[in-house]
N, C-alpha and C. Protein backbone atom coordinates (compact mmCIF):
# COMPACT_ATOMS: atom_id res chain seq x y z
N MET A 1 50.85 10.29 28.61
CA MET A 1 49.52 9.58 27.71
C MET A 1 50.07 7.91 27.96
N LEU A 2 48.83 7.22 28.66
CA LEU A 2 49.00 5.81 28.58
C LEU A 2 48.93 5.29 27.09
N VAL A 3 49.98 4.43 26.86
CA VAL A 3 49.69 3.70 25.53
C VAL A 3 49.72 2.11 26.26
N LEU A 4 48.73 1.37 25.33
CA LEU A 4 48.39 0.17 25.64
C LEU A 4 48.39 -0.71 24.42
N SER A 5 48.80 -1.74 24.24
CA SER A 5 48.44 -2.82 23.09
C SER A 5 47.37 -3.51 23.12
N ARG A 6 46.62 -3.61 22.11
CA ARG A 6 45.41 -4.70 22.33
C ARG A 6 45.27 -5.30 20.91
N GLN A 7 44.58 -6.39 21.24
CA GLN A 7 44.32 -7.36 19.75
C GLN A 7 42.94 -7.16 19.47
N ARG A 8 42.57 -7.62 18.46
CA ARG A 8 41.15 -7.56 17.95
C ARG A 8 40.36 -8.33 19.32
N ASP A 9 39.14 -7.80 19.51
CA ASP A 9 38.11 -8.34 20.36
C ASP A 9 38.63 -8.07 21.82
N GLU A 10 39.90 -7.39 22.21
CA GLU A 10 40.14 -7.15 23.68
C GLU A 10 39.57 -5.79 24.06
N THR A 11 39.63 -5.67 25.31
CA THR A 11 38.83 -4.59 25.80
C THR A 11 39.80 -3.69 26.82
N ILE A 12 39.42 -2.44 26.82
CA ILE A 12 40.02 -1.54 27.70
C ILE A 12 38.98 -0.83 28.46
N MET A 13 39.25 -0.80 29.97
CA MET A 13 37.95 -0.16 30.85
C MET A 13 38.80 1.08 31.24
N ILE A 14 37.80 2.15 31.19
CA ILE A 14 38.00 3.28 31.76
C ILE A 14 37.00 3.85 32.89
N GLY A 15 37.56 3.53 34.22
CA GLY A 15 36.84 3.75 35.17
C GLY A 15 35.68 2.51 35.29
N ASP A 16 34.70 2.38 35.94
CA ASP A 16 33.77 1.33 35.97
C ASP A 16 32.94 1.29 35.30
N ASP A 17 32.83 2.20 34.38
CA ASP A 17 31.57 2.38 33.31
C ASP A 17 31.67 2.39 31.75
N VAL A 18 33.03 2.79 31.60
CA VAL A 18 33.43 3.06 30.18
C VAL A 18 34.48 1.66 29.59
N GLN A 19 33.66 1.31 28.52
CA GLN A 19 34.79 0.04 27.75
C GLN A 19 34.94 0.40 26.29
N ILE A 20 36.13 0.22 26.04
CA ILE A 20 36.56 0.39 24.74
C ILE A 20 37.21 -0.69 24.22
N THR A 21 36.60 -1.34 23.23
CA THR A 21 36.93 -2.45 22.64
C THR A 21 37.59 -2.70 21.08
N VAL A 22 38.42 -3.30 20.79
CA VAL A 22 38.87 -3.15 19.45
C VAL A 22 37.98 -4.28 18.64
N VAL A 23 37.44 -3.72 17.90
CA VAL A 23 36.42 -4.18 17.00
C VAL A 23 36.91 -4.97 15.74
N ASP A 24 37.90 -4.30 14.90
CA ASP A 24 38.67 -4.74 13.94
C ASP A 24 39.87 -3.76 13.46
N ILE A 25 40.69 -4.35 12.92
CA ILE A 25 41.99 -3.99 12.49
C ILE A 25 42.09 -4.20 10.84
N ARG A 26 42.19 -3.00 9.99
CA ARG A 26 42.48 -3.46 8.71
C ARG A 26 43.64 -2.36 8.21
N GLY A 27 44.73 -2.72 7.89
CA GLY A 27 45.84 -1.95 7.53
C GLY A 27 46.03 -1.17 8.61
N ASP A 28 46.07 0.24 8.22
CA ASP A 28 46.70 1.25 9.32
C ASP A 28 45.20 1.68 9.87
N LYS A 29 44.23 1.21 10.05
CA LYS A 29 42.89 1.55 10.51
C LYS A 29 42.55 0.60 11.86
N VAL A 30 42.02 1.17 12.82
CA VAL A 30 41.51 0.42 14.05
C VAL A 30 40.15 1.03 14.06
N ARG A 31 39.06 -0.19 14.43
CA ARG A 31 37.64 0.35 14.50
C ARG A 31 37.49 -0.15 16.03
N LEU A 32 36.88 0.81 16.74
CA LEU A 32 36.87 0.55 18.06
C LEU A 32 35.28 0.67 18.61
N GLY A 33 35.02 0.17 19.54
CA GLY A 33 33.66 0.07 20.02
C GLY A 33 33.68 0.55 21.37
N ILE A 34 32.76 1.43 21.63
CA ILE A 34 32.67 2.13 22.95
C ILE A 34 31.18 1.94 23.69
N THR A 35 31.29 1.49 24.78
CA THR A 35 30.12 1.16 25.55
C THR A 35 30.38 2.16 26.89
N ALA A 36 29.14 3.27 26.81
CA ALA A 36 29.63 4.13 28.11
C ALA A 36 28.01 4.58 28.35
N PRO A 37 27.89 4.90 29.79
CA PRO A 37 26.46 5.57 29.95
C PRO A 37 26.05 6.62 28.96
N ARG A 38 24.82 6.86 28.94
CA ARG A 38 24.28 7.78 28.22
C ARG A 38 24.75 9.23 28.62
N HIS A 39 24.91 9.34 29.88
CA HIS A 39 25.36 10.84 30.18
C HIS A 39 26.90 11.42 29.75
N ILE A 40 27.58 10.32 29.55
CA ILE A 40 29.05 10.62 28.89
C ILE A 40 28.69 10.65 27.60
N GLN A 41 29.14 11.70 27.11
CA GLN A 41 29.24 12.15 25.40
C GLN A 41 30.57 11.66 25.18
N VAL A 42 30.33 10.97 23.70
CA VAL A 42 31.61 10.29 23.05
C VAL A 42 31.64 10.91 21.74
N HIS A 43 32.55 11.76 21.21
CA HIS A 43 33.00 12.13 20.21
C HIS A 43 34.39 11.92 19.65
N ARG A 44 34.54 11.96 18.37
CA ARG A 44 35.97 11.80 17.66
C ARG A 44 36.35 13.10 18.11
N LYS A 45 37.63 13.52 18.03
CA LYS A 45 38.23 14.58 18.62
C LYS A 45 37.95 15.80 17.52
N GLU A 46 38.15 15.60 16.46
CA GLU A 46 37.63 16.56 15.42
C GLU A 46 36.41 17.23 15.67
N VAL A 47 35.15 16.51 15.91
CA VAL A 47 33.95 16.91 16.32
C VAL A 47 33.91 17.49 17.76
N TYR A 48 34.40 17.03 18.47
CA TYR A 48 34.41 17.32 20.11
C TYR A 48 35.19 19.02 19.71
N ASP A 49 35.85 19.29 19.11
CA ASP A 49 36.84 20.50 18.98
C ASP A 49 35.57 21.30 18.18
N ALA A 50 34.97 20.99 17.15
CA ALA A 50 34.33 21.73 16.35
C ALA A 50 32.97 22.32 17.31
N ILE A 51 32.29 21.29 18.14
CA ILE A 51 31.25 21.55 19.10
C ILE A 51 31.91 22.67 19.89
N LYS A 52 33.14 22.61 20.62
CA LYS A 52 33.46 23.39 21.61
C LYS A 52 33.50 24.80 21.04
N ARG A 53 34.09 24.79 19.70
CA ARG A 53 34.43 26.13 18.98
C ARG A 53 33.00 26.92 18.87
N GLU A 54 31.97 26.11 18.39
CA GLU A 54 30.73 26.46 17.92
C GLU A 54 30.01 27.11 19.35
N ASN A 55 30.14 26.25 20.39
CA ASN A 55 29.51 26.90 21.87
C ASN A 55 30.21 28.12 22.13
N GLU A 56 31.69 27.86 21.98
CA GLU A 56 32.16 29.44 22.56
C GLU A 56 31.69 30.59 21.57
N GLN A 57 31.53 30.51 20.10
CA GLN A 57 31.24 31.47 19.54
C GLN A 57 29.75 31.89 19.78
N ALA A 58 29.07 30.98 20.27
CA ALA A 58 27.56 31.09 20.53
C ALA A 58 27.55 32.15 21.78
N ALA A 59 28.31 31.64 22.83
CA ALA A 59 28.36 32.22 24.05
C ALA A 59 28.84 34.02 23.90
N LYS A 60 29.66 34.09 23.12
CA LYS A 60 30.12 35.21 22.70
C LYS A 60 29.06 36.12 22.27
N LEU A 61 28.21 35.69 21.21
CA LEU A 61 27.35 36.14 20.36
C LEU A 61 26.15 36.59 21.42
N ARG A 62 25.60 35.92 22.27
CA ARG A 62 24.63 36.09 23.23
C ARG A 62 25.09 37.28 24.14
N GLN A 63 26.32 37.39 24.61
CA GLN A 63 26.74 38.42 25.61
C GLN A 63 26.76 39.57 24.62
N GLN A 64 27.17 39.68 23.44
CA GLN A 64 27.19 40.77 22.43
C GLN A 64 25.77 41.26 22.28
N ASP A 65 24.88 40.33 22.15
CA ASP A 65 23.69 40.77 21.85
C ASP A 65 22.78 41.36 22.98
N VAL A 66 23.04 40.96 24.16
CA VAL A 66 22.59 41.62 25.48
C VAL A 66 23.26 42.82 25.32
N ALA A 67 24.49 43.27 25.37
CA ALA A 67 25.10 44.47 25.36
C ALA A 67 24.24 45.29 24.30
N ASP A 68 24.07 45.02 22.97
CA ASP A 68 23.63 45.95 22.17
C ASP A 68 22.14 46.45 22.54
N VAL A 69 21.55 45.49 23.11
CA VAL A 69 20.25 45.59 23.51
C VAL A 69 20.00 46.52 24.71
N ILE A 70 20.94 46.46 25.44
CA ILE A 70 20.87 47.46 26.66
C ILE A 70 21.46 48.69 26.24
N GLU A 71 22.51 48.82 25.42
CA GLU A 71 22.84 50.12 24.69
C GLU A 71 21.69 50.56 23.90
N ARG A 72 20.90 49.80 23.16
CA ARG A 72 19.82 50.51 22.48
C ARG A 72 18.64 51.05 23.21
N GLU A 73 18.38 50.19 24.21
CA GLU A 73 17.04 50.41 24.70
C GLU A 73 17.21 50.56 26.38
N GLY A 74 18.45 50.69 26.65
CA GLY A 74 18.53 51.02 28.06
C GLY A 74 18.36 49.66 28.94
N ASP A 75 18.84 49.68 30.24
CA ASP A 75 18.72 48.36 31.08
C ASP A 75 17.35 48.26 31.63
N PRO A 76 16.61 46.92 30.91
CA PRO A 76 15.11 46.87 31.31
C PRO A 76 14.92 46.63 32.65
N SER A 77 16.05 46.16 33.49
CA SER A 77 15.93 45.85 35.10
C SER A 77 15.54 47.39 35.68
N LYS A 78 16.08 48.44 35.17
CA LYS A 78 15.98 49.84 35.63
C LYS A 78 14.60 50.56 35.35
N ASN A 79 13.66 49.98 34.30
CA ASN A 79 12.32 50.39 34.16
C ASN A 79 11.31 49.30 34.24
N GLU A 80 10.40 49.32 35.40
CA GLU A 80 9.66 48.41 35.83
C GLU A 80 8.54 48.17 34.67
N ASN A 81 8.26 49.13 33.99
CA ASN A 81 7.09 49.16 33.00
C ASN A 81 7.63 48.18 31.99
N ASP A 82 8.57 48.11 31.32
CA ASP A 82 9.05 47.29 30.30
C ASP A 82 9.13 45.96 30.76
N THR A 83 9.03 45.39 32.01
CA THR A 83 8.98 44.12 32.38
C THR A 83 7.84 43.70 32.70
N GLN A 84 6.92 44.35 32.68
CA GLN A 84 5.41 43.94 32.98
C GLN A 84 4.56 43.77 31.64
N ARG A 85 3.83 42.55 31.73
CA ARG A 85 3.04 42.17 30.47
C ARG A 85 1.76 42.96 30.76
N ARG A 86 1.15 43.50 29.82
CA ARG A 86 -0.09 44.06 29.81
C ARG A 86 -1.11 43.09 29.07
N GLU A 87 -2.34 42.75 29.45
CA GLU A 87 -2.96 41.86 28.55
C GLU A 87 -3.85 43.08 27.64
N PRO A 88 -4.33 42.73 26.65
CA PRO A 88 -5.41 43.49 25.95
C PRO A 88 -6.57 43.21 26.27
N PRO A 89 -7.44 44.47 26.24
CA PRO A 89 -8.92 44.37 26.69
C PRO A 89 -9.65 43.31 25.87
N ARG A 90 -10.38 42.70 26.79
CA ARG A 90 -11.18 41.40 26.20
C ARG A 90 -12.55 42.14 25.56
N PRO A 91 -12.86 41.51 24.11
CA PRO A 91 -14.16 41.94 23.72
C PRO A 91 -15.30 41.61 24.66
N LYS A 92 -16.31 42.46 24.66
CA LYS A 92 -17.47 42.08 25.48
C LYS A 92 -18.36 41.00 24.70
N ARG A 93 -18.90 40.03 25.49
CA ARG A 93 -19.63 39.40 24.87
C ARG A 93 -21.05 39.91 24.75
N LYS A 94 -22.01 39.46 23.85
CA LYS A 94 -23.20 40.10 23.71
C LYS A 94 -23.96 40.36 24.70
N ASP A 95 -23.94 39.56 25.74
CA ASP A 95 -24.98 39.45 26.74
C ASP A 95 -24.36 40.43 27.98
N GLN A 96 -23.08 41.11 27.56
CA GLN A 96 -22.45 42.01 28.49
C GLN A 96 -22.62 43.53 27.91
N GLU A 97 -23.38 43.60 26.87
CA GLU A 97 -23.38 45.13 26.23
C GLU A 97 -23.67 45.96 27.05
N ASP A 98 -23.34 47.33 26.76
CA ASP A 98 -23.40 48.52 27.73
C ASP A 98 -24.97 48.47 27.81
N PRO A 99 -25.64 48.93 29.15
CA PRO A 99 -27.13 49.05 29.34
C PRO A 99 -27.50 50.43 28.48
N ASP A 100 -26.53 51.48 28.52
CA ASP A 100 -26.94 52.64 27.91
C ASP A 100 -27.23 52.59 26.47
N ARG A 101 -26.72 51.37 25.91
CA ARG A 101 -26.62 51.18 24.42
C ARG A 101 -28.05 50.50 24.26
N SER A 102 -28.87 51.05 23.38
CA SER A 102 -30.14 50.37 22.92
C SER A 102 -29.98 49.36 21.57
N ASN A 103 -30.51 48.60 21.65
CA ASN A 103 -30.65 47.61 20.24
C ASN A 103 -31.63 48.38 18.98
């Protein structure tokens, strides 16, 4: 771990795109300002860990859900009828009524 000392209003650069500036120091708390491109996510460590945990749980649930469906209904890729959508028949317009049917 790299340890740096900075005073208020001093900045640390990470690569060419990320700046970390000491905004304020009060007692044992330091406020940091972070400037980074939008495609780089910036989170507090505890938030990052929570997001990572939730994503891992969601991925496990999805795999289990798929396995449950396959077990219940069989593998849909082996049954072509299940994968094709059928449109319901359209109602006939009045001008397309059966000629055999009289008014």
